[in-house]
Amino acid sequence: MANRGQSRKTLLRALREVFEAKGFDGTTLTQLAESTGLGKASLYHHFPGGKGEMAAVLLRGSVAELEQLAFARLAGRLPPRQRLENFIDGFSDYVSGGEGNCLVAVLSDGSSGSEHRELIAQQFHEWIRRLAATFEDAGAKPKRAERLANDLLAGLYGHLLTARLVGEPGQFKKHLKNMKKRLPG
């Protein structure tokens, strides 16, 4: 049984690497089969819905991973500033310090994005709500807290993209340090 679970993890990791590198539209079943060492028929056995189902499974996994590594850190009794710093650290962990990518963002683009857009939008609204609540705990009024939450997410994703575009993940870490300095509290 552990072997089966481990092989499922290995399969999903291989699929994720291809989707992260190529995006949904740029990924082919041939590439997915090659990366997993499975034939196309075997991939369809695991994912009868094909590439779309693979993306949906990976999207749910990425949302759960972001929840665990970053957004769960917004809860608790620590001071709001510390919770926000912990959240930023968790996001950095999720994207391997700027060397990785956010599969949620990758899958929001292209034809997969339209298929999953509503789910992604709902999830981001929930995450913004939770970030805004933390900014309110730090003393911001509701409208300002929502702006700060939006700005924080935009900054994280913008800095991640910029660091990837220029090929310097260290820039991402530097920007996160500056973001933490500007947090309220």
N, C-alpha and C. Protein backbone atom coordinates (compact mmCIF):
# COMPACT_ATOMS: atom_id res chain seq x y z
N MET A 1 0.82 -1.20 0.00
CA MET A 1 0.00 0.00 0.00
C MET A 1 0.87 1.27 0.00
N ALA A 2 1.91 1.28 0.86
CA ALA A 2 2.80 2.44 0.89
C ALA A 2 3.47 2.62 -0.47
N ASN A 3 3.80 1.50 -1.09
CA ASN A 3 4.40 1.56 -2.42
C ASN A 3 3.47 2.23 -3.42
N ARG A 4 2.21 1.87 -3.35
CA ARG A 4 1.22 2.44 -4.27
C ARG A 4 1.09 3.95 -4.06
N GLY A 5 1.02 4.37 -2.78
CA GLY A 5 0.93 5.79 -2.48
C GLY A 5 2.17 6.53 -2.91
N GLN A 6 3.32 5.91 -2.69
CA GLN A 6 4.57 6.53 -3.10
C GLN A 6 4.64 6.67 -4.61
N SER A 7 4.18 5.64 -5.34
CA SER A 7 4.22 5.73 -6.79
C SER A 7 3.25 6.80 -7.29
N ARG A 8 2.13 6.98 -6.62
CA ARG A 8 1.19 8.06 -6.98
C ARG A 8 1.85 9.41 -6.78
N LYS A 9 2.57 9.57 -5.65
CA LYS A 9 3.29 10.82 -5.39
C LYS A 9 4.33 11.08 -6.47
N THR A 10 5.06 10.04 -6.83
CA THR A 10 6.09 10.16 -7.86
C THR A 10 5.46 10.54 -9.19
N LEU A 11 4.34 9.92 -9.51
CA LEU A 11 3.63 10.22 -10.75
C LEU A 11 3.18 11.68 -10.77
N LEU A 12 2.57 12.14 -9.69
CA LEU A 12 2.10 13.53 -9.64
C LEU A 12 3.25 14.52 -9.70
N ARG A 13 4.36 14.19 -9.05
CA ARG A 13 5.53 15.07 -9.08
C ARG A 13 6.05 15.22 -10.51
N ALA A 14 6.12 14.11 -11.23
CA ALA A 14 6.60 14.15 -12.62
C ALA A 14 5.66 14.96 -13.50
N LEU A 15 4.36 14.77 -13.32
CA LEU A 15 3.38 15.54 -14.09
C LEU A 15 3.49 17.03 -13.78
N ARG A 16 3.63 17.33 -12.50
CA ARG A 16 3.72 18.73 -12.08
C ARG A 16 4.92 19.43 -12.71
N GLU A 17 6.05 18.74 -12.76
CA GLU A 17 7.25 19.34 -13.34
C GLU A 17 7.03 19.72 -14.80
N VAL A 18 6.34 18.88 -15.53
CA VAL A 18 6.07 19.19 -16.94
C VAL A 18 5.12 20.37 -17.06
N PHE A 19 4.03 20.35 -16.30
CA PHE A 19 3.07 21.46 -16.37
C PHE A 19 3.72 22.77 -15.94
N GLU A 20 4.54 22.74 -14.90
CA GLU A 20 5.21 23.97 -14.46
C GLU A 20 6.15 24.51 -15.53
N ALA A 21 6.84 23.63 -16.20
CA ALA A 21 7.82 24.05 -17.20
C ALA A 21 7.16 24.49 -18.50
N LYS A 22 6.10 23.83 -18.91
CA LYS A 22 5.52 24.05 -20.24
C LYS A 22 4.18 24.77 -20.22
N GLY A 23 3.54 24.87 -19.05
CA GLY A 23 2.19 25.40 -19.00
C GLY A 23 1.21 24.36 -19.51
N PHE A 24 -0.07 24.64 -19.36
CA PHE A 24 -1.07 23.66 -19.78
C PHE A 24 -1.07 23.50 -21.30
N ASP A 25 -1.14 24.61 -22.02
CA ASP A 25 -1.23 24.53 -23.48
C ASP A 25 0.04 23.97 -24.12
N GLY A 26 1.19 24.19 -23.50
CA GLY A 26 2.45 23.73 -24.06
C GLY A 26 2.79 22.28 -23.72
N THR A 27 1.99 21.69 -22.85
CA THR A 27 2.25 20.32 -22.42
C THR A 27 1.50 19.34 -23.32
N THR A 28 2.20 18.32 -23.77
CA THR A 28 1.57 17.28 -24.58
C THR A 28 1.50 15.97 -23.79
N LEU A 29 0.61 15.10 -24.21
CA LEU A 29 0.52 13.79 -23.57
C LEU A 29 1.81 13.00 -23.76
N THR A 30 2.47 13.20 -24.89
CA THR A 30 3.74 12.53 -25.12
C THR A 30 4.76 12.95 -24.07
N GLN A 31 4.85 14.26 -23.79
CA GLN A 31 5.78 14.75 -22.77
C GLN A 31 5.42 14.20 -21.39
N LEU A 32 4.13 14.17 -21.09
CA LEU A 32 3.69 13.65 -19.79
C LEU A 32 4.03 12.18 -19.66
N ALA A 33 3.81 11.42 -20.73
CA ALA A 33 4.13 9.99 -20.72
C ALA A 33 5.63 9.78 -20.53
N GLU A 34 6.43 10.55 -21.27
CA GLU A 34 7.88 10.42 -21.15
C GLU A 34 8.37 10.77 -19.74
N SER A 35 7.81 11.82 -19.16
CA SER A 35 8.27 12.24 -17.83
C SER A 35 7.91 11.24 -16.74
N THR A 36 6.82 10.51 -16.94
CA THR A 36 6.39 9.55 -15.93
C THR A 36 6.90 8.14 -16.19
N GLY A 37 7.36 7.90 -17.41
CA GLY A 37 7.77 6.55 -17.77
C GLY A 37 6.59 5.63 -18.06
N LEU A 38 5.42 6.22 -18.21
CA LEU A 38 4.22 5.44 -18.51
C LEU A 38 3.82 5.66 -19.96
N GLY A 39 3.09 4.72 -20.50
CA GLY A 39 2.51 4.92 -21.82
C GLY A 39 1.28 5.80 -21.71
N LYS A 40 0.83 6.32 -22.83
CA LYS A 40 -0.37 7.17 -22.83
C LYS A 40 -1.58 6.41 -22.29
N ALA A 41 -1.72 5.14 -22.64
CA ALA A 41 -2.84 4.34 -22.15
C ALA A 41 -2.81 4.23 -20.63
N SER A 42 -1.62 4.08 -20.07
CA SER A 42 -1.50 4.00 -18.61
C SER A 42 -1.87 5.34 -17.96
N LEU A 43 -1.48 6.43 -18.60
CA LEU A 43 -1.87 7.74 -18.07
C LEU A 43 -3.39 7.88 -18.06
N TYR A 44 -4.04 7.44 -19.13
CA TYR A 44 -5.50 7.49 -19.19
C TYR A 44 -6.13 6.55 -18.16
N HIS A 45 -5.44 5.48 -17.82
CA HIS A 45 -5.95 4.59 -16.77
C HIS A 45 -6.00 5.35 -15.44
N HIS A 46 -4.94 6.10 -15.15
CA HIS A 46 -4.88 6.88 -13.92
C HIS A 46 -5.76 8.12 -13.98
N PHE A 47 -5.87 8.70 -15.17
CA PHE A 47 -6.60 9.96 -15.35
C PHE A 47 -7.50 9.84 -16.58
N PRO A 48 -8.67 9.22 -16.43
CA PRO A 48 -9.56 9.00 -17.59
C PRO A 48 -9.95 10.31 -18.30
N GLY A 49 -9.91 11.41 -17.56
CA GLY A 49 -10.25 12.71 -18.15
C GLY A 49 -9.08 13.35 -18.87
N GLY A 50 -7.98 12.63 -19.01
CA GLY A 50 -6.84 13.13 -19.77
C GLY A 50 -6.12 14.28 -19.10
N LYS A 51 -5.54 15.12 -19.92
CA LYS A 51 -4.71 16.23 -19.46
C LYS A 51 -5.49 17.18 -18.54
N GLY A 52 -6.76 17.41 -18.85
CA GLY A 52 -7.58 18.30 -18.02
C GLY A 52 -7.75 17.76 -16.61
N GLU A 53 -7.95 16.46 -16.50
CA GLU A 53 -8.08 15.85 -15.18
C GLU A 53 -6.75 15.91 -14.42
N MET A 54 -5.66 15.68 -15.14
CA MET A 54 -4.34 15.77 -14.51
C MET A 54 -4.14 17.17 -13.93
N ALA A 55 -4.46 18.17 -14.73
CA ALA A 55 -4.30 19.56 -14.28
C ALA A 55 -5.19 19.84 -13.07
N ALA A 56 -6.42 19.33 -13.08
CA ALA A 56 -7.34 19.56 -11.96
C ALA A 56 -6.81 18.93 -10.68
N VAL A 57 -6.29 17.70 -10.78
CA VAL A 57 -5.73 17.02 -9.61
C VAL A 57 -4.53 17.80 -9.08
N LEU A 58 -3.66 18.23 -9.99
CA LEU A 58 -2.48 18.99 -9.58
C LEU A 58 -2.87 20.34 -8.99
N LEU A 59 -3.89 20.97 -9.54
CA LEU A 59 -4.35 22.26 -9.02
C LEU A 59 -4.85 22.10 -7.59
N ARG A 60 -5.67 21.09 -7.34
CA ARG A 60 -6.16 20.86 -5.98
C ARG A 60 -4.99 20.58 -5.03
N GLY A 61 -4.01 19.83 -5.49
CA GLY A 61 -2.84 19.56 -4.66
C GLY A 61 -2.04 20.81 -4.35
N SER A 62 -1.91 21.68 -5.35
CA SER A 62 -1.16 22.92 -5.15
C SER A 62 -1.87 23.86 -4.19
N VAL A 63 -3.20 23.93 -4.31
CA VAL A 63 -3.98 24.74 -3.37
C VAL A 63 -3.79 24.22 -1.95
N ALA A 64 -3.85 22.90 -1.79
CA ALA A 64 -3.67 22.30 -0.46
C ALA A 64 -2.26 22.58 0.07
N GLU A 65 -1.28 22.51 -0.80
CA GLU A 65 0.10 22.77 -0.39
C GLU A 65 0.29 24.23 0.02
N LEU A 66 -0.27 25.15 -0.74
CA LEU A 66 -0.21 26.58 -0.37
C LEU A 66 -0.92 26.82 0.96
N GLU A 67 -2.05 26.15 1.15
CA GLU A 67 -2.77 26.25 2.41
C GLU A 67 -1.87 25.86 3.57
N GLN A 68 -1.26 24.69 3.43
CA GLN A 68 -0.44 24.14 4.50
C GLN A 68 0.81 24.98 4.76
N LEU A 69 1.51 25.35 3.69
CA LEU A 69 2.79 26.04 3.85
C LEU A 69 2.66 27.52 4.16
N ALA A 70 1.62 28.17 3.64
CA ALA A 70 1.55 29.62 3.77
C ALA A 70 0.30 30.10 4.51
N PHE A 71 -0.86 29.82 3.98
CA PHE A 71 -2.07 30.44 4.51
C PHE A 71 -2.45 29.94 5.90
N ALA A 72 -2.09 28.73 6.25
CA ALA A 72 -2.36 28.24 7.61
C ALA A 72 -1.60 29.07 8.64
N ARG A 73 -0.53 29.70 8.23
CA ARG A 73 0.29 30.50 9.15
C ARG A 73 -0.38 31.82 9.53
N LEU A 74 -1.48 32.14 8.87
CA LEU A 74 -2.21 33.37 9.22
C LEU A 74 -3.08 33.17 10.46
N ALA A 75 -3.34 31.93 10.81
CA ALA A 75 -4.17 31.62 11.97
C ALA A 75 -3.30 31.57 13.22
N GLY A 76 -3.94 31.63 14.35
CA GLY A 76 -3.20 31.48 15.60
C GLY A 76 -3.16 32.75 16.41
N ARG A 77 -2.38 32.69 17.45
CA ARG A 77 -2.35 33.78 18.43
C ARG A 77 -1.12 34.67 18.34
N LEU A 78 -0.26 34.40 17.39
CA LEU A 78 0.91 35.26 17.23
C LEU A 78 0.46 36.66 16.85
N PRO A 79 1.29 37.67 17.08
CA PRO A 79 0.94 39.02 16.63
C PRO A 79 0.76 39.03 15.10
N PRO A 80 -0.14 39.88 14.60
CA PRO A 80 -0.44 39.91 13.16
C PRO A 80 0.80 40.04 12.28
N ARG A 81 1.73 40.89 12.66
CA ARG A 81 2.93 41.08 11.84
C ARG A 81 3.70 39.77 11.72
N GLN A 82 3.82 39.03 12.83
CA GLN A 82 4.54 37.76 12.82
C GLN A 82 3.81 36.74 11.94
N ARG A 83 2.49 36.73 12.01
CA ARG A 83 1.71 35.81 11.16
C ARG A 83 1.92 36.14 9.69
N LEU A 84 1.96 37.43 9.34
CA LEU A 84 2.18 37.84 7.95
C LEU A 84 3.60 37.48 7.50
N GLU A 85 4.58 37.69 8.38
CA GLU A 85 5.95 37.30 8.04
C GLU A 85 6.03 35.79 7.82
N ASN A 86 5.38 35.03 8.69
CA ASN A 86 5.37 33.57 8.55
C ASN A 86 4.68 33.15 7.25
N PHE A 87 3.63 33.87 6.89
CA PHE A 87 2.93 33.60 5.63
C PHE A 87 3.89 33.82 4.45
N ILE A 88 4.61 34.93 4.45
CA ILE A 88 5.56 35.23 3.38
C ILE A 88 6.63 34.14 3.31
N ASP A 89 7.13 33.72 4.47
CA ASP A 89 8.13 32.64 4.50
C ASP A 89 7.54 31.35 3.93
N GLY A 90 6.29 31.07 4.25
CA GLY A 90 5.64 29.87 3.74
C GLY A 90 5.46 29.91 2.24
N PHE A 91 5.11 31.09 1.72
CA PHE A 91 4.99 31.23 0.26
C PHE A 91 6.35 31.00 -0.38
N SER A 92 7.39 31.55 0.24
CA SER A 92 8.74 31.35 -0.28
C SER A 92 9.11 29.87 -0.28
N ASP A 93 8.73 29.17 0.78
CA ASP A 93 8.99 27.73 0.82
C ASP A 93 8.25 27.02 -0.32
N TYR A 94 7.02 27.42 -0.57
CA TYR A 94 6.21 26.79 -1.63
C TYR A 94 6.88 26.94 -3.00
N VAL A 95 7.48 28.09 -3.25
CA VAL A 95 8.12 28.33 -4.55
C VAL A 95 9.64 28.15 -4.48
N SER A 96 10.08 27.40 -3.51
CA SER A 96 11.51 27.06 -3.35
C SER A 96 12.40 28.29 -3.39
N GLY A 97 12.02 29.30 -2.63
CA GLY A 97 12.84 30.50 -2.53
C GLY A 97 12.98 31.28 -3.82
N GLY A 98 12.00 31.13 -4.71
CA GLY A 98 12.03 31.84 -5.98
C GLY A 98 12.56 31.00 -7.13
N GLU A 99 13.02 29.80 -6.84
CA GLU A 99 13.53 28.92 -7.90
C GLU A 99 12.42 28.08 -8.51
N GLY A 100 11.32 27.91 -7.80
CA GLY A 100 10.18 27.14 -8.30
C GLY A 100 9.13 28.05 -8.89
N ASN A 101 7.97 27.48 -9.11
CA ASN A 101 6.87 28.24 -9.67
C ASN A 101 5.62 27.89 -8.90
N CYS A 102 4.60 28.71 -9.05
CA CYS A 102 3.31 28.44 -8.44
C CYS A 102 2.42 27.81 -9.51
N LEU A 103 2.10 26.54 -9.32
CA LEU A 103 1.30 25.83 -10.30
C LEU A 103 -0.09 26.45 -10.45
N VAL A 104 -0.62 27.02 -9.38
CA VAL A 104 -1.93 27.69 -9.47
C VAL A 104 -1.85 28.81 -10.51
N ALA A 105 -0.77 29.59 -10.46
CA ALA A 105 -0.59 30.68 -11.42
C ALA A 105 -0.38 30.13 -12.83
N VAL A 106 0.42 29.09 -12.95
CA VAL A 106 0.69 28.51 -14.26
C VAL A 106 -0.60 27.99 -14.89
N LEU A 107 -1.42 27.31 -14.09
CA LEU A 107 -2.64 26.72 -14.64
C LEU A 107 -3.76 27.75 -14.84
N SER A 108 -3.58 28.96 -14.33
CA SER A 108 -4.59 29.99 -14.56
C SER A 108 -4.46 30.59 -15.96
N ASP A 109 -3.36 30.28 -16.63
CA ASP A 109 -3.08 30.82 -17.95
C ASP A 109 -3.43 29.78 -19.02
N GLY A 110 -3.79 30.22 -20.18
CA GLY A 110 -4.06 29.31 -21.29
C GLY A 110 -5.44 28.69 -21.20
N SER A 111 -5.66 27.65 -21.97
CA SER A 111 -6.99 27.05 -22.04
C SER A 111 -7.37 26.37 -20.73
N SER A 112 -6.41 25.90 -19.97
CA SER A 112 -6.72 25.32 -18.66
C SER A 112 -7.28 26.39 -17.74
N GLY A 113 -6.79 27.61 -17.90
CA GLY A 113 -7.25 28.70 -17.06
C GLY A 113 -8.74 28.91 -17.17
N SER A 114 -9.27 28.84 -18.37
CA SER A 114 -10.71 29.05 -18.53
C SER A 114 -11.48 27.91 -17.88
N GLU A 115 -10.93 26.69 -17.95
CA GLU A 115 -11.58 25.53 -17.35
C GLU A 115 -11.60 25.62 -15.83
N HIS A 116 -10.55 26.18 -15.26
CA HIS A 116 -10.41 26.22 -13.81
C HIS A 116 -10.50 27.64 -13.24
N ARG A 117 -10.81 28.60 -14.08
CA ARG A 117 -10.78 30.01 -13.66
C ARG A 117 -11.67 30.29 -12.45
N GLU A 118 -12.88 29.73 -12.44
CA GLU A 118 -13.80 30.02 -11.33
C GLU A 118 -13.25 29.47 -10.01
N LEU A 119 -12.73 28.25 -10.04
CA LEU A 119 -12.15 27.67 -8.84
C LEU A 119 -10.96 28.50 -8.35
N ILE A 120 -10.10 28.89 -9.26
CA ILE A 120 -8.93 29.68 -8.90
C ILE A 120 -9.36 31.04 -8.34
N ALA A 121 -10.32 31.69 -8.99
CA ALA A 121 -10.80 32.99 -8.52
C ALA A 121 -11.42 32.87 -7.13
N GLN A 122 -12.24 31.86 -6.91
CA GLN A 122 -12.84 31.66 -5.59
C GLN A 122 -11.76 31.47 -4.53
N GLN A 123 -10.76 30.68 -4.87
CA GLN A 123 -9.69 30.42 -3.91
C GLN A 123 -8.93 31.70 -3.59
N PHE A 124 -8.62 32.49 -4.61
CA PHE A 124 -7.89 33.74 -4.36
C PHE A 124 -8.73 34.73 -3.56
N HIS A 125 -10.03 34.78 -3.81
CA HIS A 125 -10.89 35.66 -2.99
C HIS A 125 -10.86 35.23 -1.53
N GLU A 126 -10.88 33.94 -1.30
CA GLU A 126 -10.80 33.44 0.08
C GLU A 126 -9.45 33.79 0.70
N TRP A 127 -8.37 33.60 -0.06
CA TRP A 127 -7.06 33.93 0.48
C TRP A 127 -6.92 35.43 0.75
N ILE A 128 -7.45 36.26 -0.13
CA ILE A 128 -7.42 37.71 0.09
C ILE A 128 -8.21 38.06 1.34
N ARG A 129 -9.36 37.42 1.52
CA ARG A 129 -10.18 37.67 2.71
C ARG A 129 -9.39 37.34 3.97
N ARG A 130 -8.68 36.22 3.97
CA ARG A 130 -7.92 35.82 5.15
C ARG A 130 -6.73 36.74 5.40
N LEU A 131 -6.07 37.15 4.33
CA LEU A 131 -4.98 38.11 4.49
C LEU A 131 -5.51 39.44 5.01
N ALA A 132 -6.64 39.90 4.45
CA ALA A 132 -7.24 41.16 4.89
C ALA A 132 -7.61 41.10 6.37
N ALA A 133 -8.15 39.98 6.81
CA ALA A 133 -8.50 39.83 8.23
C ALA A 133 -7.26 39.97 9.11
N THR A 134 -6.14 39.46 8.64
CA THR A 134 -4.89 39.58 9.41
C THR A 134 -4.43 41.03 9.43
N PHE A 135 -4.56 41.74 8.30
CA PHE A 135 -4.21 43.16 8.29
C PHE A 135 -5.16 43.96 9.19
N GLU A 136 -6.42 43.56 9.24
CA GLU A 136 -7.36 44.22 10.17
C GLU A 136 -6.93 43.97 11.61
N ASP A 137 -6.48 42.75 11.91
CA ASP A 137 -5.97 42.45 13.25
C ASP A 137 -4.79 43.36 13.60
N ALA A 138 -4.06 43.78 12.55
CA ALA A 138 -2.91 44.68 12.77
C ALA A 138 -3.34 46.14 12.87
N GLY A 139 -4.65 46.40 12.72
CA GLY A 139 -5.16 47.76 12.90
C GLY A 139 -5.64 48.46 11.65
N ALA A 140 -5.56 47.83 10.49
CA ALA A 140 -6.02 48.48 9.26
C ALA A 140 -7.54 48.44 9.19
N LYS A 141 -8.11 49.50 8.66
CA LYS A 141 -9.56 49.51 8.42
C LYS A 141 -9.87 48.55 7.27
N PRO A 142 -11.11 48.04 7.17
CA PRO A 142 -11.44 46.99 6.20
C PRO A 142 -11.02 47.26 4.75
N LYS A 143 -11.32 48.43 4.22
CA LYS A 143 -10.96 48.70 2.81
C LYS A 143 -9.44 48.73 2.63
N ARG A 144 -8.76 49.36 3.57
CA ARG A 144 -7.30 49.40 3.49
C ARG A 144 -6.71 47.99 3.66
N ALA A 145 -7.29 47.20 4.55
CA ALA A 145 -6.81 45.83 4.77
C ALA A 145 -6.94 45.01 3.49
N GLU A 146 -8.05 45.21 2.78
CA GLU A 146 -8.22 44.47 1.52
C GLU A 146 -7.21 44.92 0.48
N ARG A 147 -6.93 46.23 0.42
CA ARG A 147 -5.90 46.72 -0.51
C ARG A 147 -4.54 46.16 -0.15
N LEU A 148 -4.22 46.14 1.13
CA LEU A 148 -2.94 45.60 1.57
C LEU A 148 -2.82 44.11 1.23
N ALA A 149 -3.91 43.38 1.39
CA ALA A 149 -3.92 41.94 1.06
C ALA A 149 -3.68 41.74 -0.43
N ASN A 150 -4.38 42.51 -1.25
CA ASN A 150 -4.18 42.43 -2.70
C ASN A 150 -2.76 42.81 -3.08
N ASP A 151 -2.25 43.87 -2.47
CA ASP A 151 -0.88 44.31 -2.76
C ASP A 151 0.15 43.25 -2.35
N LEU A 152 -0.09 42.58 -1.23
CA LEU A 152 0.85 41.56 -0.78
C LEU A 152 0.89 40.40 -1.77
N LEU A 153 -0.27 39.91 -2.19
CA LEU A 153 -0.29 38.82 -3.17
C LEU A 153 0.30 39.26 -4.50
N ALA A 154 -0.06 40.46 -4.95
CA ALA A 154 0.49 40.96 -6.22
C ALA A 154 2.00 41.09 -6.13
N GLY A 155 2.49 41.55 -4.99
CA GLY A 155 3.93 41.67 -4.80
C GLY A 155 4.63 40.32 -4.82
N LEU A 156 4.06 39.35 -4.14
CA LEU A 156 4.68 38.02 -4.12
C LEU A 156 4.75 37.43 -5.53
N TYR A 157 3.63 37.47 -6.24
CA TYR A 157 3.60 36.89 -7.59
C TYR A 157 4.42 37.72 -8.57
N GLY A 158 4.37 39.03 -8.42
CA GLY A 158 5.15 39.90 -9.31
C GLY A 158 6.65 39.71 -9.12
N HIS A 159 7.08 39.65 -7.88
CA HIS A 159 8.51 39.45 -7.61
C HIS A 159 8.97 38.07 -8.03
N LEU A 160 8.10 37.07 -7.87
CA LEU A 160 8.44 35.72 -8.32
C LEU A 160 8.63 35.70 -9.83
N LEU A 161 7.70 36.31 -10.55
CA LEU A 161 7.80 36.36 -12.01
C LEU A 161 9.04 37.13 -12.45
N THR A 162 9.27 38.28 -11.85
CA THR A 162 10.43 39.09 -12.22
C THR A 162 11.73 38.33 -11.99
N ALA A 163 11.85 37.68 -10.85
CA ALA A 163 13.07 36.92 -10.55
C ALA A 163 13.26 35.80 -11.56
N ARG A 164 12.17 35.17 -11.96
CA ARG A 164 12.27 34.09 -12.95
C ARG A 164 12.63 34.65 -14.33
N LEU A 165 12.06 35.79 -14.66
CA LEU A 165 12.33 36.39 -15.98
C LEU A 165 13.79 36.79 -16.13
N VAL A 166 14.37 37.32 -15.06
CA VAL A 166 15.77 37.74 -15.14
C VAL A 166 16.74 36.63 -14.73
N GLY A 167 16.17 35.49 -14.32
CA GLY A 167 17.01 34.35 -13.97
C GLY A 167 17.81 34.53 -12.70
N GLU A 168 17.25 35.30 -11.76
CA GLU A 168 17.95 35.56 -10.50
C GLU A 168 17.01 35.34 -9.31
N PRO A 169 16.88 34.09 -8.86
CA PRO A 169 15.98 33.80 -7.73
C PRO A 169 16.36 34.56 -6.47
N GLY A 170 17.63 34.92 -6.33
CA GLY A 170 18.06 35.69 -5.17
C GLY A 170 17.33 37.02 -5.05
N GLN A 171 16.93 37.57 -6.19
CA GLN A 171 16.16 38.82 -6.17
C GLN A 171 14.84 38.63 -5.44
N PHE A 172 14.23 37.46 -5.64
CA PHE A 172 12.96 37.17 -4.98
C PHE A 172 13.14 37.25 -3.46
N LYS A 173 14.17 36.61 -2.96
CA LYS A 173 14.42 36.62 -1.52
C LYS A 173 14.68 38.03 -1.00
N LYS A 174 15.41 38.81 -1.77
CA LYS A 174 15.69 40.20 -1.39
C LYS A 174 14.39 41.00 -1.31
N HIS A 175 13.51 40.82 -2.28
CA HIS A 175 12.24 41.53 -2.28
C HIS A 175 11.37 41.10 -1.09
N LEU A 176 11.42 39.83 -0.73
CA LEU A 176 10.63 39.37 0.41
C LEU A 176 11.10 40.04 1.70
N LYS A 177 12.40 40.21 1.84
CA LYS A 177 12.93 40.91 3.02
C LYS A 177 12.36 42.32 3.09
N ASN A 178 12.36 43.01 1.95
CA ASN A 178 11.82 44.38 1.91
C ASN A 178 10.32 44.39 2.18
N MET A 179 9.60 43.40 1.66
CA MET A 179 8.17 43.33 1.92
C MET A 179 7.90 43.18 3.42
N LYS A 180 8.69 42.36 4.08
CA LYS A 180 8.51 42.15 5.52
C LYS A 180 8.75 43.44 6.30
N LYS A 181 9.74 44.22 5.86
CA LYS A 181 10.05 45.47 6.56
C LYS A 181 8.88 46.45 6.50
N ARG A 182 8.09 46.36 5.42
CA ARG A 182 7.00 47.31 5.23
C ARG A 182 5.67 46.84 5.84
N LEU A 183 5.66 45.68 6.47
CA LEU A 183 4.43 45.18 7.09
C LEU A 183 4.05 46.05 8.28
N PRO A 184 2.76 46.21 8.53
CA PRO A 184 2.33 47.00 9.70
C PRO A 184 2.65 46.30 11.02
N GLY A 185 2.77 47.09 12.06
CA GLY A 185 2.95 46.51 13.39
C GLY A 185 4.35 46.55 13.78
